[in-house]
Amino acid sequence: MNTLDDTRKKTLALGLAAFDAAARRRRLIRRATQGAAVAVLVLACAAVAGRALRSEAPRLPAYVELIPNDAQLTGELELANACERIDRNDGLLLVIECARPPASGS
């Protein structure tokens, strides 16, 4: 009973070969999946780092003028004759009264 005939030996060898092939295939798929996951993670980190290190401020159109301080803003508003009274309260610039612009064409 301990001995196998040729047919059983061939069947056993084929089964073991199929099992080994399936195990190799699973290992290969596992390694490929892990490698792809690591590659995606590295690319995501590179993209995030690239965005974080980008220090370029967004460019404004040529017609936009930045007003750096309240005194210049007050001056601009007074020049435009848009507001009658401007006040500063707790770090905020408040427009107290505004005049209605004159009607055009009448």
N, C-alpha and C. Protein backbone atom coordinates (compact mmCIF):
# COMPACT_ATOMS: atom_id res chain seq x y z
N MET A 1 0.81 -1.18 0.00
CA MET A 1 0.00 0.00 0.00
C MET A 1 0.86 1.25 0.00
N ASN A 2 2.09 1.18 0.45
CA ASN A 2 2.96 2.34 0.51
C ASN A 2 3.52 2.74 -0.85
N THR A 3 3.41 1.89 -1.81
CA THR A 3 3.95 2.17 -3.12
C THR A 3 2.85 2.66 -4.04
N LEU A 4 3.23 3.56 -4.93
CA LEU A 4 2.27 4.11 -5.89
C LEU A 4 2.60 3.59 -7.27
N ASP A 5 1.58 3.33 -8.05
CA ASP A 5 1.85 2.91 -9.42
C ASP A 5 2.15 4.14 -10.28
N ASP A 6 2.54 3.93 -11.52
CA ASP A 6 2.97 5.03 -12.39
C ASP A 6 1.87 6.06 -12.63
N THR A 7 0.65 5.63 -12.78
CA THR A 7 -0.46 6.56 -13.04
C THR A 7 -0.68 7.47 -11.86
N ARG A 8 -0.66 6.92 -10.68
CA ARG A 8 -0.85 7.74 -9.47
C ARG A 8 0.32 8.68 -9.27
N LYS A 9 1.54 8.22 -9.58
CA LYS A 9 2.72 9.09 -9.45
C LYS A 9 2.61 10.27 -10.41
N LYS A 10 2.17 10.02 -11.65
CA LYS A 10 2.02 11.09 -12.63
C LYS A 10 0.92 12.08 -12.19
N THR A 11 -0.18 11.54 -11.67
CA THR A 11 -1.28 12.39 -11.21
C THR A 11 -0.82 13.26 -10.04
N LEU A 12 -0.10 12.66 -9.11
CA LEU A 12 0.42 13.39 -7.96
C LEU A 12 1.41 14.46 -8.42
N ALA A 13 2.29 14.14 -9.36
CA ALA A 13 3.27 15.12 -9.87
C ALA A 13 2.57 16.26 -10.58
N LEU A 14 1.54 15.95 -11.38
CA LEU A 14 0.78 17.01 -12.05
C LEU A 14 0.07 17.91 -11.05
N GLY A 15 -0.50 17.32 -10.02
CA GLY A 15 -1.19 18.12 -8.98
C GLY A 15 -0.22 19.01 -8.24
N LEU A 16 0.95 18.47 -7.89
CA LEU A 16 1.96 19.28 -7.20
C LEU A 16 2.48 20.39 -8.10
N ALA A 17 2.67 20.12 -9.38
CA ALA A 17 3.14 21.13 -10.32
C ALA A 17 2.09 22.24 -10.48
N ALA A 18 0.82 21.86 -10.54
CA ALA A 18 -0.24 22.86 -10.65
C ALA A 18 -0.32 23.70 -9.38
N PHE A 19 -0.15 23.05 -8.22
CA PHE A 19 -0.17 23.79 -6.96
C PHE A 19 0.99 24.78 -6.90
N ASP A 20 2.19 24.34 -7.30
CA ASP A 20 3.36 25.23 -7.30
C ASP A 20 3.16 26.40 -8.27
N ALA A 21 2.61 26.11 -9.44
CA ALA A 21 2.35 27.19 -10.41
C ALA A 21 1.36 28.20 -9.86
N ALA A 22 0.30 27.72 -9.21
CA ALA A 22 -0.70 28.63 -8.63
C ALA A 22 -0.08 29.45 -7.50
N ALA A 23 0.76 28.84 -6.69
CA ALA A 23 1.41 29.56 -5.60
C ALA A 23 2.34 30.64 -6.15
N ARG A 24 3.11 30.31 -7.21
CA ARG A 24 3.99 31.31 -7.84
C ARG A 24 3.17 32.46 -8.42
N ARG A 25 2.06 32.13 -9.07
CA ARG A 25 1.19 33.15 -9.66
C ARG A 25 0.63 34.09 -8.57
N ARG A 26 0.20 33.50 -7.46
CA ARG A 26 -0.31 34.33 -6.35
C ARG A 26 0.78 35.24 -5.79
N ARG A 27 2.00 34.70 -5.62
CA ARG A 27 3.11 35.52 -5.13
C ARG A 27 3.43 36.65 -6.10
N LEU A 28 3.44 36.34 -7.40
CA LEU A 28 3.72 37.35 -8.41
C LEU A 28 2.65 38.44 -8.41
N ILE A 29 1.40 38.04 -8.32
CA ILE A 29 0.31 39.03 -8.28
C ILE A 29 0.40 39.88 -7.01
N ARG A 30 0.71 39.25 -5.88
CA ARG A 30 0.84 39.99 -4.62
C ARG A 30 1.97 41.01 -4.70
N ARG A 31 3.12 40.59 -5.26
CA ARG A 31 4.25 41.51 -5.39
C ARG A 31 3.93 42.65 -6.35
N ALA A 32 3.27 42.33 -7.46
CA ALA A 32 2.90 43.38 -8.42
C ALA A 32 1.91 44.37 -7.80
N THR A 33 0.96 43.86 -7.03
CA THR A 33 -0.02 44.73 -6.38
C THR A 33 0.66 45.63 -5.35
N GLN A 34 1.54 45.05 -4.56
CA GLN A 34 2.27 45.85 -3.57
C GLN A 34 3.15 46.89 -4.25
N GLY A 35 3.82 46.50 -5.33
CA GLY A 35 4.66 47.45 -6.06
C GLY A 35 3.84 48.59 -6.64
N ALA A 36 2.67 48.26 -7.20
CA ALA A 36 1.79 49.30 -7.75
C ALA A 36 1.29 50.23 -6.64
N ALA A 37 0.95 49.67 -5.48
CA ALA A 37 0.49 50.49 -4.36
C ALA A 37 1.60 51.43 -3.88
N VAL A 38 2.82 50.91 -3.81
CA VAL A 38 3.95 51.75 -3.39
C VAL A 38 4.19 52.84 -4.43
N ALA A 39 4.10 52.50 -5.71
CA ALA A 39 4.31 53.51 -6.77
C ALA A 39 3.25 54.60 -6.71
N VAL A 40 1.99 54.23 -6.50
CA VAL A 40 0.91 55.22 -6.38
C VAL A 40 1.15 56.10 -5.15
N LEU A 41 1.55 55.50 -4.05
CA LEU A 41 1.82 56.27 -2.83
C LEU A 41 2.97 57.25 -3.04
N VAL A 42 4.03 56.81 -3.70
CA VAL A 42 5.18 57.69 -3.97
C VAL A 42 4.76 58.83 -4.89
N LEU A 43 3.99 58.53 -5.93
CA LEU A 43 3.53 59.58 -6.84
C LEU A 43 2.61 60.57 -6.13
N ALA A 44 1.74 60.07 -5.26
CA ALA A 44 0.85 60.97 -4.51
C ALA A 44 1.66 61.88 -3.58
N CYS A 45 2.64 61.31 -2.90
CA CYS A 45 3.49 62.12 -2.02
C CYS A 45 4.27 63.16 -2.82
N ALA A 46 4.76 62.77 -3.98
CA ALA A 46 5.51 63.70 -4.82
C ALA A 46 4.60 64.84 -5.29
N ALA A 47 3.37 64.51 -5.65
CA ALA A 47 2.43 65.55 -6.10
C ALA A 47 2.10 66.51 -4.96
N VAL A 48 1.86 65.99 -3.78
CA VAL A 48 1.55 66.84 -2.63
C VAL A 48 2.76 67.70 -2.27
N ALA A 49 3.95 67.12 -2.27
CA ALA A 49 5.16 67.88 -1.96
C ALA A 49 5.40 68.95 -3.02
N GLY A 50 5.15 68.63 -4.27
CA GLY A 50 5.33 69.61 -5.34
C GLY A 50 4.40 70.80 -5.18
N ARG A 51 3.17 70.53 -4.80
CA ARG A 51 2.23 71.64 -4.58
C ARG A 51 2.61 72.46 -3.35
N ALA A 52 3.08 71.77 -2.32
CA ALA A 52 3.42 72.48 -1.08
C ALA A 52 4.66 73.35 -1.28
N LEU A 53 5.60 72.88 -2.09
CA LEU A 53 6.84 73.63 -2.28
C LEU A 53 6.70 74.74 -3.31
N ARG A 54 5.63 74.71 -4.07
CA ARG A 54 5.42 75.76 -5.07
C ARG A 54 5.08 77.06 -4.34
N SER A 55 5.95 78.04 -4.41
CA SER A 55 5.76 79.27 -3.64
C SER A 55 5.29 80.43 -4.51
N GLU A 56 4.95 80.15 -5.73
CA GLU A 56 4.53 81.19 -6.64
C GLU A 56 3.14 81.69 -6.25
N ALA A 57 3.02 82.97 -6.06
CA ALA A 57 1.71 83.55 -5.77
C ALA A 57 0.94 83.66 -7.07
N PRO A 58 -0.36 83.54 -6.98
CA PRO A 58 -1.14 83.67 -8.22
C PRO A 58 -0.98 85.08 -8.79
N ARG A 59 -0.84 85.17 -10.09
CA ARG A 59 -0.63 86.46 -10.74
C ARG A 59 -1.97 87.14 -10.97
N LEU A 60 -2.00 88.41 -10.65
CA LEU A 60 -3.21 89.20 -10.84
C LEU A 60 -3.18 89.87 -12.20
N PRO A 61 -4.34 90.18 -12.76
CA PRO A 61 -4.36 90.89 -14.03
C PRO A 61 -3.70 92.27 -13.90
N ALA A 62 -3.28 92.83 -15.02
CA ALA A 62 -2.55 94.09 -15.02
C ALA A 62 -3.40 95.25 -14.49
N TYR A 63 -4.71 95.17 -14.63
CA TYR A 63 -5.56 96.29 -14.20
C TYR A 63 -5.84 96.28 -12.70
N VAL A 64 -5.40 95.26 -11.98
CA VAL A 64 -5.63 95.19 -10.54
C VAL A 64 -4.51 95.91 -9.81
N GLU A 65 -4.88 96.80 -8.92
CA GLU A 65 -3.90 97.53 -8.11
C GLU A 65 -4.15 97.19 -6.65
N LEU A 66 -3.12 96.74 -5.97
CA LEU A 66 -3.24 96.42 -4.55
C LEU A 66 -3.04 97.68 -3.73
N ILE A 67 -3.91 97.86 -2.77
CA ILE A 67 -3.80 99.01 -1.86
C ILE A 67 -3.21 98.48 -0.56
N PRO A 68 -1.98 98.86 -0.23
CA PRO A 68 -1.28 98.23 0.89
C PRO A 68 -1.70 98.73 2.27
N ASN A 69 -2.25 99.93 2.39
CA ASN A 69 -2.55 100.42 3.73
C ASN A 69 -3.85 101.23 3.74
N ASP A 70 -4.33 101.50 4.93
CA ASP A 70 -5.60 102.20 5.09
C ASP A 70 -5.53 103.65 4.62
N ALA A 71 -4.38 104.29 4.79
CA ALA A 71 -4.26 105.69 4.39
C ALA A 71 -4.45 105.82 2.88
N GLN A 72 -3.84 104.92 2.13
CA GLN A 72 -3.99 104.98 0.68
C GLN A 72 -5.43 104.65 0.28
N LEU A 73 -6.06 103.70 0.97
CA LEU A 73 -7.45 103.37 0.68
C LEU A 73 -8.35 104.57 0.94
N THR A 74 -8.13 105.23 2.07
CA THR A 74 -8.91 106.42 2.39
C THR A 74 -8.71 107.49 1.32
N GLY A 75 -7.48 107.68 0.91
CA GLY A 75 -7.20 108.66 -0.12
C GLY A 75 -7.89 108.32 -1.43
N GLU A 76 -7.85 107.05 -1.81
CA GLU A 76 -8.51 106.63 -3.05
C GLU A 76 -10.01 106.85 -2.98
N LEU A 77 -10.60 106.52 -1.84
CA LEU A 77 -12.04 106.71 -1.70
C LEU A 77 -12.42 108.19 -1.71
N GLU A 78 -11.59 108.99 -1.07
CA GLU A 78 -11.88 110.42 -1.07
C GLU A 78 -11.70 111.02 -2.46
N LEU A 79 -10.70 110.54 -3.18
CA LEU A 79 -10.50 111.02 -4.55
C LEU A 79 -11.69 110.66 -5.43
N ALA A 80 -12.22 109.51 -5.24
CA ALA A 80 -13.37 109.09 -6.03
C ALA A 80 -14.64 109.80 -5.57
N ASN A 81 -14.56 110.50 -4.45
CA ASN A 81 -15.69 111.24 -3.89
C ASN A 81 -16.88 110.31 -3.66
N ALA A 82 -16.58 109.07 -3.28
CA ALA A 82 -17.65 108.12 -3.08
C ALA A 82 -18.19 108.16 -1.65
N CYS A 83 -17.33 108.46 -0.71
CA CYS A 83 -17.77 108.39 0.68
C CYS A 83 -17.51 109.71 1.39
N GLU A 84 -18.43 110.04 2.29
CA GLU A 84 -18.30 111.29 3.03
C GLU A 84 -17.54 111.11 4.33
N ARG A 85 -17.64 109.93 4.94
CA ARG A 85 -16.99 109.74 6.24
C ARG A 85 -16.48 108.31 6.35
N ILE A 86 -15.19 108.18 6.66
CA ILE A 86 -14.57 106.87 6.81
C ILE A 86 -13.92 106.84 8.19
N ASP A 87 -14.10 105.74 8.91
CA ASP A 87 -13.58 105.65 10.28
C ASP A 87 -12.94 104.29 10.47
N ARG A 88 -12.06 104.23 11.46
CA ARG A 88 -11.39 102.98 11.77
C ARG A 88 -11.81 102.57 13.18
N ASN A 89 -12.24 101.28 13.31
CA ASN A 89 -12.71 100.81 14.60
C ASN A 89 -12.21 99.38 14.81
N ASP A 90 -11.41 99.16 15.82
CA ASP A 90 -10.88 97.84 16.18
C ASP A 90 -10.24 97.12 14.98
N GLY A 91 -9.43 97.86 14.25
CA GLY A 91 -8.71 97.26 13.14
C GLY A 91 -9.52 97.12 11.87
N LEU A 92 -10.75 97.58 11.87
CA LEU A 92 -11.58 97.51 10.67
C LEU A 92 -11.79 98.90 10.11
N LEU A 93 -11.79 99.01 8.81
CA LEU A 93 -12.06 100.27 8.14
C LEU A 93 -13.56 100.32 7.85
N LEU A 94 -14.24 101.29 8.44
CA LEU A 94 -15.69 101.39 8.30
C LEU A 94 -16.05 102.58 7.44
N VAL A 95 -16.97 102.38 6.52
CA VAL A 95 -17.52 103.47 5.72
C VAL A 95 -18.81 103.88 6.42
N ILE A 96 -18.80 105.09 7.01
CA ILE A 96 -19.94 105.53 7.80
C ILE A 96 -21.06 106.03 6.90
N GLU A 97 -20.75 106.92 5.97
CA GLU A 97 -21.77 107.48 5.09
C GLU A 97 -21.23 107.48 3.67
N CYS A 98 -22.06 107.10 2.74
CA CYS A 98 -21.68 107.15 1.34
C CYS A 98 -22.68 108.00 0.58
N ALA A 99 -22.17 108.81 -0.31
CA ALA A 99 -23.03 109.65 -1.14
C ALA A 99 -23.40 108.86 -2.38
N ARG A 100 -24.61 109.07 -2.85
CA ARG A 100 -25.06 108.43 -4.10
C ARG A 100 -24.41 109.15 -5.26
N PRO A 101 -23.86 108.42 -6.22
CA PRO A 101 -23.23 109.08 -7.35
C PRO A 101 -24.27 109.87 -8.15
N PRO A 102 -23.86 110.99 -8.76
CA PRO A 102 -24.82 111.79 -9.49
C PRO A 102 -25.38 111.02 -10.70
N ALA A 103 -26.62 111.30 -11.01
CA ALA A 103 -27.27 110.63 -12.14
C ALA A 103 -26.64 111.14 -13.43
N SER A 104 -26.35 110.23 -14.33
CA SER A 104 -25.68 110.64 -15.57
C SER A 104 -26.70 110.81 -16.69
N GLY A 105 -26.46 111.79 -17.56
CA GLY A 105 -27.27 111.98 -18.75
C GLY A 105 -28.54 112.77 -18.54
N SER A 106 -28.87 113.23 -17.34
CA SER A 106 -30.13 113.95 -17.16
C SER A 106 -29.90 115.42 -17.05
